[in-house]
Each structure stands twice: as C-alpha cells, then as structure tokens.
Amino acid sequence: MAGKLVKQNMAALAADGGSNGYAQVADSSLFPVGCIVFLRSNTVDAVECIVTDLKDSTHVGLRIMTPSHIGILPTPQYGVKSDLSAYLMADTATLSINPQVADEHSGFYLK
C-alpha cells in the first residue's frame, strides 16, 4: 500500500461552510483525499471528518464522522458529504490535519 506522508497543517475557512459539503480554504492540496481532518469553530463543537474529494484548488469535500465511527473505518458511502453550513468565517472556523499517511487510491474514498 503506497501512501504519502502528510504534514500537520491548519487553514482558516475562506468562506462559510457549504450545505453541499465543501469547505473553502486557501489551498486544498494541504488536505489529501482519504485523510482525517478536524473542523472547528468558536461556536460549534469540533468534528472529525474524512476528506471525500478535492473539487478544485480551494474546495475540500468533507464527510463528518459520527462518534460511532471514530476509531474505526466507517461504512462506505461513496461521495457522500456532510452539511457544513454551521461553520462560519465570522466564528473563526478552521480546518486542521494531523500528521498521517494519505492513501487516495483505496477505492473507499472515491466519489
């Protein structure tokens, strides 16, 4: 299983989170497909998400992992994204990633 080492990063949301499941950041390449990321805000609880796809150079598709999924591989839901509209720029919403190995070729994450 080939993978790419991903460094720890954090980015402020460049726009309010979308109901279509996309978060806009300055550089989406910091958040590879298949990686686990954290979406935070000053007014909404932090959530753990899986990066489902990169729409373009600034939009990251995210699926929020429910507490029952954390620590185990969630049920495959190809291309399904979560409503992110509660995460607002005005509330200092950020997307962060811890060091990990990205494996974007594992069919699980394909849209």
PDB file of N, CA and C in Angstrom:
ATOM      1  N   MET A   1       0.844  -1.170   0.000  1.00  0.00           N
ATOM      2  CA  MET A   1       0.000   0.000   0.000  1.00  0.00           C
ATOM      3  C   MET A   1       0.891   1.233   0.000  1.00  0.00           C
ATOM      4  N   ALA A   2       0.915   1.933  -1.124  1.00  0.00           N
ATOM      5  CA  ALA A   2       1.727   3.138  -1.220  1.00  0.00           C
ATOM      6  C   ALA A   2       0.951   4.307  -0.658  1.00  0.00           C
ATOM      7  N   GLY A   3       1.638   5.206  -0.031  1.00  0.00           N
ATOM      8  CA  GLY A   3       0.976   6.372   0.537  1.00  0.00           C
ATOM      9  C   GLY A   3       1.912   7.550   0.568  1.00  0.00           C
ATOM     10  N   LYS A   4       1.368   8.679   0.940  1.00  0.00           N
ATOM     11  CA  LYS A   4       2.133   9.916   1.000  1.00  0.00           C
ATOM     12  C   LYS A   4       2.044  10.453   2.419  1.00  0.00           C
ATOM     13  N   LEU A   5       3.181  10.824   2.991  1.00  0.00           N
ATOM     14  CA  LEU A   5       3.196  11.397   4.330  1.00  0.00           C
ATOM     15  C   LEU A   5       2.650  12.822   4.271  1.00  0.00           C
ATOM     16  N   VAL A   6       1.669  13.093   5.109  1.00  0.00           N
ATOM     17  CA  VAL A   6       1.040  14.411   5.168  1.00  0.00           C
ATOM     18  C   VAL A   6       1.496  15.096   6.443  1.00  0.00           C
ATOM     19  N   LYS A   7       1.917  16.355   6.321  1.00  0.00           N
ATOM     20  CA  LYS A   7       2.355  17.126   7.480  1.00  0.00           C
ATOM     21  C   LYS A   7       1.167  17.759   8.197  1.00  0.00           C
ATOM     22  N   GLN A   8       1.383  18.135   9.446  1.00  0.00           N
ATOM     23  CA  GLN A   8       0.364  18.835  10.218  1.00  0.00           C
ATOM     24  C   GLN A   8       0.142  20.212   9.602  1.00  0.00           C
ATOM     25  N   ASN A   9      -1.114  20.584   9.442  1.00  0.00           N
ATOM     26  CA  ASN A   9      -1.461  21.878   8.865  1.00  0.00           C
ATOM     27  C   ASN A   9      -2.769  22.379   9.442  1.00  0.00           C
ATOM     28  N   MET A  10      -2.996  23.678   9.288  1.00  0.00           N
ATOM     29  CA  MET A  10      -4.267  24.272   9.668  1.00  0.00           C
ATOM     30  C   MET A  10      -4.544  25.417   8.708  1.00  0.00           C
ATOM     31  N   ALA A  11      -5.830  25.593   8.353  1.00  0.00           N
ATOM     32  CA  ALA A  11      -6.224  26.686   7.467  1.00  0.00           C
ATOM     33  C   ALA A  11      -7.551  27.260   7.938  1.00  0.00           C
ATOM     34  N   ALA A  12      -7.655  28.570   7.884  1.00  0.00           N
ATOM     35  CA  ALA A  12      -8.930  29.226   8.174  1.00  0.00           C
ATOM     36  C   ALA A  12      -9.855  29.021   6.979  1.00  0.00           C
ATOM     37  N   LEU A  13     -11.146  28.880   7.242  1.00  0.00           N
ATOM     38  CA  LEU A  13     -12.093  28.799   6.147  1.00  0.00           C
ATOM     39  C   LEU A  13     -12.130  30.156   5.448  1.00  0.00           C
ATOM     40  N   ALA A  14     -12.080  30.135   4.119  1.00  0.00           N
ATOM     41  CA  ALA A  14     -12.087  31.362   3.321  1.00  0.00           C
ATOM     42  C   ALA A  14     -13.504  31.821   3.001  1.00  0.00           C
ATOM     43  N   ALA A  15     -14.479  30.995   3.345  1.00  0.00           N
ATOM     44  CA  ALA A  15     -15.905  31.310   3.177  1.00  0.00           C
ATOM     45  C   ALA A  15     -16.658  30.440   4.177  1.00  0.00           C
ATOM     46  N   ASP A  16     -17.913  30.757   4.408  1.00  0.00           N
ATOM     47  CA  ASP A  16     -18.722  29.925   5.300  1.00  0.00           C
ATOM     48  C   ASP A  16     -18.809  28.515   4.739  1.00  0.00           C
ATOM     49  N   GLY A  17     -18.890  27.511   5.631  1.00  0.00           N
ATOM     50  CA  GLY A  17     -19.028  26.129   5.198  1.00  0.00           C
ATOM     51  C   GLY A  17     -20.285  25.963   4.360  1.00  0.00           C
ATOM     52  N   GLY A  18     -20.219  25.077   3.376  1.00  0.00           N
ATOM     53  CA  GLY A  18     -21.342  24.904   2.466  1.00  0.00           C
ATOM     54  C   GLY A  18     -22.284  23.780   2.863  1.00  0.00           C
ATOM     55  N   SER A  19     -23.563  23.960   2.559  1.00  0.00           N
ATOM     56  CA  SER A  19     -24.529  22.886   2.797  1.00  0.00           C
ATOM     57  C   SER A  19     -24.284  21.726   1.833  1.00  0.00           C
ATOM     58  N   ASN A  20     -23.480  21.985   0.783  1.00  0.00           N
ATOM     59  CA  ASN A  20     -23.138  20.946  -0.198  1.00  0.00           C
ATOM     60  C   ASN A  20     -21.947  20.099   0.237  1.00  0.00           C
ATOM     61  N   GLY A  21     -21.395  20.356   1.425  1.00  0.00           N
ATOM     62  CA  GLY A  21     -20.312  19.535   1.945  1.00  0.00           C
ATOM     63  C   GLY A  21     -18.913  20.007   1.611  1.00  0.00           C
ATOM     64  N   TYR A  22     -18.786  21.207   1.054  1.00  0.00           N
ATOM     65  CA  TYR A  22     -17.464  21.724   0.720  1.00  0.00           C
ATOM     66  C   TYR A  22     -17.053  22.841   1.674  1.00  0.00           C
ATOM     67  N   ALA A  23     -15.788  22.796   2.097  1.00  0.00           N
ATOM     68  CA  ALA A  23     -15.170  23.857   2.885  1.00  0.00           C
ATOM     69  C   ALA A  23     -14.161  24.541   1.970  1.00  0.00           C
ATOM     70  N   GLN A  24     -14.187  25.863   1.934  1.00  0.00           N
ATOM     71  CA  GLN A  24     -13.256  26.611   1.097  1.00  0.00           C
ATOM     72  C   GLN A  24     -12.087  27.089   1.945  1.00  0.00           C
ATOM     73  N   VAL A  25     -10.869  26.769   1.478  1.00  0.00           N
ATOM     74  CA  VAL A  25      -9.630  27.179   2.140  1.00  0.00           C
ATOM     75  C   VAL A  25      -8.691  27.768   1.084  1.00  0.00           C
ATOM     76  N   ALA A  26      -7.599  28.351   1.504  1.00  0.00           N
ATOM     77  CA  ALA A  26      -6.667  28.965   0.553  1.00  0.00           C
ATOM     78  C   ALA A  26      -6.003  27.930  -0.349  1.00  0.00           C
ATOM     79  N   ASP A  27      -5.722  26.722   0.174  1.00  0.00           N
ATOM     80  CA  ASP A  27      -5.021  25.694  -0.593  1.00  0.00           C
ATOM     81  C   ASP A  27      -5.533  24.306  -0.210  1.00  0.00           C
ATOM     82  N   SER A  28      -6.371  23.737  -1.040  1.00  0.00           N
ATOM     83  CA  SER A  28      -6.963  22.433  -0.720  1.00  0.00           C
ATOM     84  C   SER A  28      -5.949  21.285  -0.760  1.00  0.00           C
ATOM     85  N   SER A  29      -4.808  21.486  -1.413  1.00  0.00           N
ATOM     86  CA  SER A  29      -3.819  20.401  -1.507  1.00  0.00           C
ATOM     87  C   SER A  29      -3.216  20.027  -0.152  1.00  0.00           C
ATOM     88  N   LEU A  30      -3.418  20.863   0.873  1.00  0.00           N
ATOM     89  CA  LEU A  30      -2.931  20.546   2.216  1.00  0.00           C
ATOM     90  C   LEU A  30      -3.743  19.434   2.870  1.00  0.00           C
ATOM     91  N   PHE A  31      -4.907  19.086   2.273  1.00  0.00           N
ATOM     92  CA  PHE A  31      -5.847  18.138   2.857  1.00  0.00           C
ATOM     93  C   PHE A  31      -6.166  17.028   1.851  1.00  0.00           C
ATOM     94  N   PRO A  32      -5.271  16.036   1.700  1.00  0.00           N
ATOM     95  CA  PRO A  32      -5.443  14.994   0.693  1.00  0.00           C
ATOM     96  C   PRO A  32      -6.688  14.122   0.909  1.00  0.00           C
ATOM     97  N   VAL A  33      -7.221  13.628  -0.188  1.00  0.00           N
ATOM     98  CA  VAL A  33      -8.374  12.727  -0.161  1.00  0.00           C
ATOM     99  C   VAL A  33      -8.059  11.507   0.702  1.00  0.00           C
ATOM    100  N   GLY A  34      -9.032  11.117   1.530  1.00  0.00           N
ATOM    101  CA  GLY A  34      -8.883   9.948   2.389  1.00  0.00           C
ATOM    102  C   GLY A  34      -8.331  10.246   3.762  1.00  0.00           C
ATOM    103  N   CYS A  35      -7.864  11.472   3.988  1.00  0.00           N
ATOM    104  CA  CYS A  35      -7.290  11.823   5.289  1.00  0.00           C
ATOM    105  C   CYS A  35      -8.375  12.224   6.288  1.00  0.00           C
ATOM    106  N   ILE A  36      -8.021  12.104   7.554  1.00  0.00           N
ATOM    107  CA  ILE A  36      -8.883  12.531   8.651  1.00  0.00           C
ATOM    108  C   ILE A  36      -8.496  13.964   9.008  1.00  0.00           C
ATOM    109  N   VAL A  37      -9.488  14.848   9.077  1.00  0.00           N
ATOM    110  CA  VAL A  37      -9.260  16.253   9.402  1.00  0.00           C
ATOM    111  C   VAL A  37     -10.225  16.671  10.513  1.00  0.00           C
ATOM    112  N   PHE A  38      -9.980  17.843  11.077  1.00  0.00           N
ATOM    113  CA  PHE A  38     -10.823  18.373  12.145  1.00  0.00           C
ATOM    114  C   PHE A  38     -11.366  19.728  11.731  1.00  0.00           C
ATOM    115  N   LEU A  39     -12.684  19.884  11.830  1.00  0.00           N
ATOM    116  CA  LEU A  39     -13.353  21.135  11.520  1.00  0.00           C
ATOM    117  C   LEU A  39     -13.768  21.759  12.847  1.00  0.00           C
ATOM    118  N   ARG A  40     -13.328  23.009  13.069  1.00  0.00           N
ATOM    119  CA  ARG A  40     -13.575  23.670  14.351  1.00  0.00           C
ATOM    120  C   ARG A  40     -14.148  25.061  14.129  1.00  0.00           C
ATOM    121  N   SER A  41     -14.794  25.580  15.183  1.00  0.00           N
ATOM    122  CA  SER A  41     -15.344  26.930  15.183  1.00  0.00           C
ATOM    123  C   SER A  41     -15.452  27.386  16.636  1.00  0.00           C
ATOM    124  N   ASN A  42     -15.568  28.683  16.845  1.00  0.00           N
ATOM    125  CA  ASN A  42     -15.739  29.215  18.197  1.00  0.00           C
ATOM    126  C   ASN A  42     -17.121  28.925  18.775  1.00  0.00           C
ATOM    127  N   THR A  43     -18.091  28.609  17.925  1.00  0.00           N
ATOM    128  CA  THR A  43     -19.473  28.455  18.396  1.00  0.00           C
ATOM    129  C   THR A  43     -20.055  27.058  18.187  1.00  0.00           C
ATOM    130  N   VAL A  44     -19.360  26.197  17.448  1.00  0.00           N
ATOM    131  CA  VAL A  44     -19.863  24.848  17.153  1.00  0.00           C
ATOM    132  C   VAL A  44     -18.803  23.841  17.602  1.00  0.00           C
ATOM    133  N   ASP A  45     -19.241  22.714  18.133  1.00  0.00           N
ATOM    134  CA  ASP A  45     -18.291  21.681  18.559  1.00  0.00           C
ATOM    135  C   ASP A  45     -17.412  21.232  17.398  1.00  0.00           C
ATOM    136  N   ALA A  46     -16.158  20.915  17.704  1.00  0.00           N
ATOM    137  CA  ALA A  46     -15.242  20.389  16.701  1.00  0.00           C
ATOM    138  C   ALA A  46     -15.723  19.008  16.250  1.00  0.00           C
ATOM    139  N   VAL A  47     -15.533  18.706  14.967  1.00  0.00           N
ATOM    140  CA  VAL A  47     -15.909  17.399  14.437  1.00  0.00           C
ATOM    141  C   VAL A  47     -14.754  16.813  13.649  1.00  0.00           C
ATOM    142  N   GLU A  48     -14.693  15.494  13.671  1.00  0.00           N
ATOM    143  CA  GLU A  48     -13.703  14.748  12.901  1.00  0.00           C
ATOM    144  C   GLU A  48     -14.352  14.396  11.558  1.00  0.00           C
ATOM    145  N   CYS A  49     -13.621  14.614  10.466  1.00  0.00           N
ATOM    146  CA  CYS A  49     -14.162  14.394   9.123  1.00  0.00           C
ATOM    147  C   CYS A  49     -13.196  13.590   8.270  1.00  0.00           C
ATOM    148  N   ILE A  50     -13.728  12.993   7.217  1.00  0.00           N
ATOM    149  CA  ILE A  50     -12.918  12.357   6.178  1.00  0.00           C
ATOM    150  C   ILE A  50     -12.974  13.253   4.951  1.00  0.00           C
ATOM    151  N   VAL A  51     -11.832  13.480   4.313  1.00  0.00           N
ATOM    152  CA  VAL A  51     -11.794  14.236   3.069  1.00  0.00           C
ATOM    153  C   VAL A  51     -12.284  13.305   1.962  1.00  0.00           C
ATOM    154  N   THR A  52     -13.415  13.656   1.339  1.00  0.00           N
ATOM    155  CA  THR A  52     -14.002  12.802   0.304  1.00  0.00           C
ATOM    156  C   THR A  52     -13.485  13.123  -1.082  1.00  0.00           C
ATOM    157  N   ASP A  53     -13.220  14.401  -1.331  1.00  0.00           N
ATOM    158  CA  ASP A  53     -12.716  14.804  -2.647  1.00  0.00           C
ATOM    159  C   ASP A  53     -12.220  16.237  -2.581  1.00  0.00           C
ATOM    160  N   LEU A  54     -11.435  16.614  -3.591  1.00  0.00           N
ATOM    161  CA  LEU A  54     -10.980  17.991  -3.751  1.00  0.00           C
ATOM    162  C   LEU A  54     -11.632  18.502  -5.027  1.00  0.00           C
ATOM    163  N   LYS A  55     -12.585  19.407  -4.878  1.00  0.00           N
ATOM    164  CA  LYS A  55     -13.348  19.922  -6.016  1.00  0.00           C
ATOM    165  C   LYS A  55     -12.453  20.746  -6.944  1.00  0.00           C
ATOM    166  N   ASP A  56     -11.586  21.543  -6.346  1.00  0.00           N
ATOM    167  CA  ASP A  56     -10.636  22.367  -7.088  1.00  0.00           C
ATOM    168  C   ASP A  56      -9.517  22.772  -6.128  1.00  0.00           C
ATOM    169  N   SER A  57      -8.757  23.797  -6.476  1.00  0.00           N
ATOM    170  CA  SER A  57      -7.589  24.161  -5.662  1.00  0.00           C
ATOM    171  C   SER A  57      -7.949  24.815  -4.328  1.00  0.00           C
ATOM    172  N   THR A  58      -9.237  25.110  -4.100  1.00  0.00           N
ATOM    173  CA  THR A  58      -9.619  25.755  -2.844  1.00  0.00           C
ATOM    174  C   THR A  58     -10.785  25.084  -2.111  1.00  0.00           C
ATOM    175  N   HIS A  59     -11.412  24.071  -2.689  1.00  0.00           N
ATOM    176  CA  HIS A  59     -12.587  23.449  -2.063  1.00  0.00           C
ATOM    177  C   HIS A  59     -12.313  21.995  -1.673  1.00  0.00           C
ATOM    178  N   VAL A  60     -12.555  21.693  -0.385  1.00  0.00           N
ATOM    179  CA  VAL A  60     -12.340  20.357   0.181  1.00  0.00           C
ATOM    180  C   VAL A  60     -13.701  19.748   0.516  1.00  0.00           C
ATOM    181  N   GLY A  61     -13.997  18.574  -0.038  1.00  0.00           N
ATOM    182  CA  GLY A  61     -15.233  17.866   0.289  1.00  0.00           C
ATOM    183  C   GLY A  61     -15.044  17.090   1.588  1.00  0.00           C
ATOM    184  N   LEU A  62     -16.017  17.198   2.512  1.00  0.00           N
ATOM    185  CA  LEU A  62     -15.878  16.576   3.830  1.00  0.00           C
ATOM    186  C   LEU A  62     -17.112  15.766   4.205  1.00  0.00           C
ATOM    187  N   ARG A  63     -16.882  14.650   4.873  1.00  0.00           N
ATOM    188  CA  ARG A  63     -17.955  13.873   5.493  1.00  0.00           C
ATOM    189  C   ARG A  63     -17.658  13.808   6.983  1.00  0.00           C
ATOM    190  N   ILE A  64     -18.577  14.321   7.791  1.00  0.00           N
ATOM    191  CA  ILE A  64     -18.411  14.287   9.240  1.00  0.00           C
ATOM    192  C   ILE A  64     -18.559  12.846   9.714  1.00  0.00           C
ATOM    193  N   MET A  65     -17.633  12.423  10.565  1.00  0.00           N
ATOM    194  CA  MET A  65     -17.696  11.075  11.138  1.00  0.00           C
ATOM    195  C   MET A  65     -18.483  11.141  12.431  1.00  0.00           C
ATOM    196  N   THR A  66     -19.473  10.301  12.567  1.00  0.00           N
ATOM    197  CA  THR A  66     -20.259  10.268  13.799  1.00  0.00           C
ATOM    198  C   THR A  66     -19.416   9.624  14.900  1.00  0.00           C
ATOM    199  N   PRO A  67     -19.754   9.862  16.169  1.00  0.00           N
ATOM    200  CA  PRO A  67     -18.971   9.277  17.260  1.00  0.00           C
ATOM    201  C   PRO A  67     -18.814   7.755  17.152  1.00  0.00           C
ATOM    202  N   SER A  68     -19.802   7.081  16.592  1.00  0.00           N
ATOM    203  CA  SER A  68     -19.691   5.620  16.461  1.00  0.00           C
ATOM    204  C   SER A  68     -18.652   5.226  15.428  1.00  0.00           C
ATOM    205  N   HIS A  69     -18.284   6.147  14.537  1.00  0.00           N
ATOM    206  CA  HIS A  69     -17.288   5.846  13.505  1.00  0.00           C
ATOM    207  C   HIS A  69     -15.866   6.135  13.953  1.00  0.00           C
ATOM    208  N   ILE A  70     -15.701   7.016  14.925  1.00  0.00           N
ATOM    209  CA  ILE A  70     -14.357   7.444  15.303  1.00  0.00           C
ATOM    210  C   ILE A  70     -13.560   6.251  15.828  1.00  0.00           C
ATOM    211  N   GLY A  71     -12.401   6.078  15.251  1.00  0.00           N
ATOM    212  CA  GLY A  71     -11.522   4.981  15.649  1.00  0.00           C
ATOM    213  C   GLY A  71     -11.719   3.715  14.845  1.00  0.00           C
ATOM    214  N   ILE A  72     -12.784   3.657  14.034  1.00  0.00           N
ATOM    215  CA  ILE A  72     -12.997   2.512  13.150  1.00  0.00           C
ATOM    216  C   ILE A  72     -13.332   3.031  11.762  1.00  0.00           C
ATOM    217  N   LEU A  73     -13.173   2.202  10.770  1.00  0.00           N
ATOM    218  CA  LEU A  73     -13.479   2.594   9.408  1.00  0.00           C
ATOM    219  C   LEU A  73     -14.986   2.686   9.234  1.00  0.00           C
ATOM    220  N   PRO A  74     -15.509   3.847   8.818  1.00  0.00           N
ATOM    221  CA  PRO A  74     -16.950   3.991   8.674  1.00  0.00           C
ATOM    222  C   PRO A  74     -17.504   3.163   7.518  1.00  0.00           C
ATOM    223  N   THR A  75     -18.810   2.984   7.536  1.00  0.00           N
ATOM    224  CA  THR A  75     -19.479   2.276   6.449  1.00  0.00           C
ATOM    225  C   THR A  75     -19.242   3.048   5.158  1.00  0.00           C
ATOM    226  N   PRO A  76     -18.848   2.363   4.079  1.00  0.00           N
ATOM    227  CA  PRO A  76     -18.592   3.079   2.822  1.00  0.00           C
ATOM    228  C   PRO A  76     -19.818   3.856   2.348  1.00  0.00           C
ATOM    229  N   GLN A  77     -19.615   5.129   2.033  1.00  0.00           N
ATOM    230  CA  GLN A  77     -20.645   5.985   1.461  1.00  0.00           C
ATOM    231  C   GLN A  77     -19.940   6.802   0.390  1.00  0.00           C
ATOM    232  N   TYR A  78     -19.812   6.250  -0.777  1.00  0.00           N
ATOM    233  CA  TYR A  78     -19.030   6.867  -1.835  1.00  0.00           C
ATOM    234  C   TYR A  78     -19.564   8.248  -2.207  1.00  0.00           C
ATOM    235  N   GLY A  79     -18.714   9.260  -2.067  1.00  0.00           N
ATOM    236  CA  GLY A  79     -19.052  10.604  -2.481  1.00  0.00           C
ATOM    237  C   GLY A  79     -20.000  11.359  -1.574  1.00  0.00           C
ATOM    238  N   VAL A  80     -20.475  10.751  -0.492  1.00  0.00           N
ATOM    239  CA  VAL A  80     -21.411  11.429   0.404  1.00  0.00           C
ATOM    240  C   VAL A  80     -20.657  12.469   1.230  1.00  0.00           C
ATOM    241  N   LYS A  81     -21.199  13.685   1.256  1.00  0.00           N
ATOM    242  CA  LYS A  81     -20.592  14.756   2.048  1.00  0.00           C
ATOM    243  C   LYS A  81     -21.612  15.249   3.073  1.00  0.00           C
ATOM    244  N   SER A  82     -21.139  16.000   4.064  1.00  0.00           N
ATOM    245  CA  SER A  82     -21.986  16.492   5.152  1.00  0.00           C
ATOM    246  C   SER A  82     -22.278  17.980   5.007  1.00  0.00           C
ATOM    247  N   ASP A  83     -23.383  18.423   5.582  1.00  0.00           N
ATOM    248  CA  ASP A  83     -23.744  19.833   5.623  1.00  0.00           C
ATOM    249  C   ASP A  83     -22.777  20.545   6.575  1.00  0.00           C
ATOM    250  N   LEU A  84     -22.046  21.521   6.061  1.00  0.00           N
ATOM    251  CA  LEU A  84     -21.046  22.249   6.858  1.00  0.00           C
ATOM    252  C   LEU A  84     -21.474  23.685   7.128  1.00  0.00           C
ATOM    253  N   SER A  85     -22.730  24.012   6.883  1.00  0.00           N
ATOM    254  CA  SER A  85     -23.185  25.402   6.957  1.00  0.00           C
ATOM    255  C   SER A  85     -23.128  26.010   8.359  1.00  0.00           C
ATOM    256  N   ALA A  86     -22.952  25.211   9.394  1.00  0.00           N
ATOM    257  CA  ALA A  86     -22.839  25.750  10.760  1.00  0.00           C
ATOM    258  C   ALA A  86     -21.451  26.332  11.030  1.00  0.00           C
ATOM    259  N   TYR A  87     -20.490  26.061  10.159  1.00  0.00           N
ATOM    260  CA  TYR A  87     -19.110  26.515  10.360  1.00  0.00           C
ATOM    261  C   TYR A  87     -18.889  27.800   9.564  1.00  0.00           C
ATOM    262  N   LEU A  88     -18.808  28.922  10.296  1.00  0.00           N
ATOM    263  CA  LEU A  88     -18.776  30.242   9.672  1.00  0.00           C
ATOM    264  C   LEU A  88     -17.431  30.934   9.839  1.00  0.00           C
ATOM    265  N   MET A  89     -17.057  31.725   8.821  1.00  0.00           N
ATOM    266  CA  MET A  89     -15.835  32.532   8.903  1.00  0.00           C
ATOM    267  C   MET A  89     -15.884  33.462  10.104  1.00  0.00           C
ATOM    268  N   ALA A  90     -17.047  34.058  10.346  1.00  0.00           N
ATOM    269  CA  ALA A  90     -17.193  35.013  11.443  1.00  0.00           C
ATOM    270  C   ALA A  90     -16.935  34.371  12.803  1.00  0.00           C
ATOM    271  N   ASP A  91     -17.071  33.051  12.873  1.00  0.00           N
ATOM    272  CA  ASP A  91     -16.837  32.321  14.122  1.00  0.00           C
ATOM    273  C   ASP A  91     -15.465  31.652  14.130  1.00  0.00           C
ATOM    274  N   THR A  92     -14.546  32.154  13.306  1.00  0.00           N
ATOM    275  CA  THR A  92     -13.177  31.666  13.224  1.00  0.00           C
ATOM    276  C   THR A  92     -13.115  30.162  12.932  1.00  0.00           C
ATOM    277  N   ALA A  93     -13.866  29.719  11.952  1.00  0.00           N
ATOM    278  CA  ALA A  93     -13.859  28.310  11.575  1.00  0.00           C
ATOM    279  C   ALA A  93     -12.529  27.941  10.920  1.00  0.00           C
ATOM    280  N   THR A  94     -11.995  26.780  11.304  1.00  0.00           N
ATOM    281  CA  THR A  94     -10.721  26.304  10.749  1.00  0.00           C
ATOM    282  C   THR A  94     -10.818  24.828  10.385  1.00  0.00           C
ATOM    283  N   LEU A  95      -9.938  24.419   9.501  1.00  0.00           N
ATOM    284  CA  LEU A  95      -9.781  23.024   9.128  1.00  0.00           C
ATOM    285  C   LEU A  95      -8.334  22.658   9.437  1.00  0.00           C
ATOM    286  N   SER A  96      -8.136  21.562  10.171  1.00  0.00           N
ATOM    287  CA  SER A  96      -6.769  21.169  10.526  1.00  0.00           C
ATOM    288  C   SER A  96      -6.572  19.682  10.272  1.00  0.00           C
ATOM    289  N   ILE A  97      -5.309  19.322  10.117  1.00  0.00           N
ATOM    290  CA  ILE A  97      -4.946  17.933   9.860  1.00  0.00           C
ATOM    291  C   ILE A  97      -3.711  17.590  10.680  1.00  0.00           C
ATOM    292  N   ASN A  98      -3.709  16.413  11.271  1.00  0.00           N
ATOM    293  CA  ASN A  98      -2.539  15.915  11.992  1.00  0.00           C
ATOM    294  C   ASN A  98      -1.681  15.094  11.043  1.00  0.00           C
ATOM    295  N   PRO A  99      -0.397  14.873  11.364  1.00  0.00           N
ATOM    296  CA  PRO A  99       0.449  14.061  10.501  1.00  0.00           C
ATOM    297  C   PRO A  99      -0.168  12.673  10.299  1.00  0.00           C
ATOM    298  N   GLN A 100      -0.147  12.192   9.061  1.00  0.00           N
ATOM    299  CA  GLN A 100      -0.693  10.870   8.735  1.00  0.00           C
ATOM    300  C   GLN A 100      -0.238  10.458   7.350  1.00  0.00           C
ATOM    301  N   VAL A 101      -0.551   9.240   6.980  1.00  0.00           N
ATOM    302  CA  VAL A 101      -0.238   8.749   5.644  1.00  0.00           C
ATOM    303  C   VAL A 101      -1.520   8.757   4.831  1.00  0.00           C
ATOM    304  N   ALA A 102      -1.489   9.429   3.696  1.00  0.00           N
ATOM    305  CA  ALA A 102      -2.657   9.511   2.811  1.00  0.00           C
ATOM    306  C   ALA A 102      -2.602   8.368   1.811  1.00  0.00           C
ATOM    307  N   ASP A 103      -3.740   7.711   1.630  1.00  0.00           N
ATOM    308  CA  ASP A 103      -3.842   6.647   0.633  1.00  0.00           C
ATOM    309  C   ASP A 103      -5.067   6.908  -0.225  1.00  0.00           C
ATOM    310  N   GLU A 104      -4.913   7.816  -1.193  1.00  0.00           N
ATOM    311  CA  GLU A 104      -6.049   8.218  -2.012  1.00  0.00           C
ATOM    312  C   GLU A 104      -6.441   7.169  -3.040  1.00  0.00           C
ATOM    313  N   HIS A 105      -5.728   6.074  -3.127  1.00  0.00           N
ATOM    314  CA  HIS A 105      -6.042   5.045  -4.117  1.00  0.00           C
ATOM    315  C   HIS A 105      -6.876   3.910  -3.550  1.00  0.00           C
ATOM    316  N   SER A 106      -7.294   4.004  -2.301  1.00  0.00           N
ATOM    317  CA  SER A 106      -8.109   2.940  -1.720  1.00  0.00           C
ATOM    318  C   SER A 106      -9.547   3.185  -2.114  1.00  0.00           C
ATOM    319  N   GLY A 107     -10.137   2.579  -3.060  1.00  0.00           N
ATOM    320  CA  GLY A 107     -11.445   2.855  -3.624  1.00  0.00           C
ATOM    321  C   GLY A 107     -12.503   3.382  -2.686  1.00  0.00           C
ATOM    322  N   PHE A 108     -12.314   3.240  -1.374  1.00  0.00           N
ATOM    323  CA  PHE A 108     -13.294   3.679  -0.370  1.00  0.00           C
ATOM    324  C   PHE A 108     -13.632   5.150  -0.488  1.00  0.00           C
ATOM    325  N   TYR A 109     -12.673   5.988  -0.821  1.00  0.00           N
ATOM    326  CA  TYR A 109     -12.872   7.427  -0.786  1.00  0.00           C
ATOM    327  C   TYR A 109     -13.289   8.021  -2.116  1.00  0.00           C
ATOM    328  N   LEU A 110     -13.351   7.218  -3.154  1.00  0.00           N
ATOM    329  CA  LEU A 110     -13.692   7.757  -4.462  1.00  0.00           C
ATOM    330  C   LEU A 110     -15.120   8.260  -4.494  1.00  0.00           C
ATOM    331  N   LYS A 111     -15.342   9.308  -5.278  1.00  0.00           N
ATOM    332  CA  LYS A 111     -16.716   9.818  -5.369  1.00  0.00           C
ATOM    333  C   LYS A 111     -17.497   9.103  -6.436  1.00  0.00           C
TER     334      LYS A 111
END
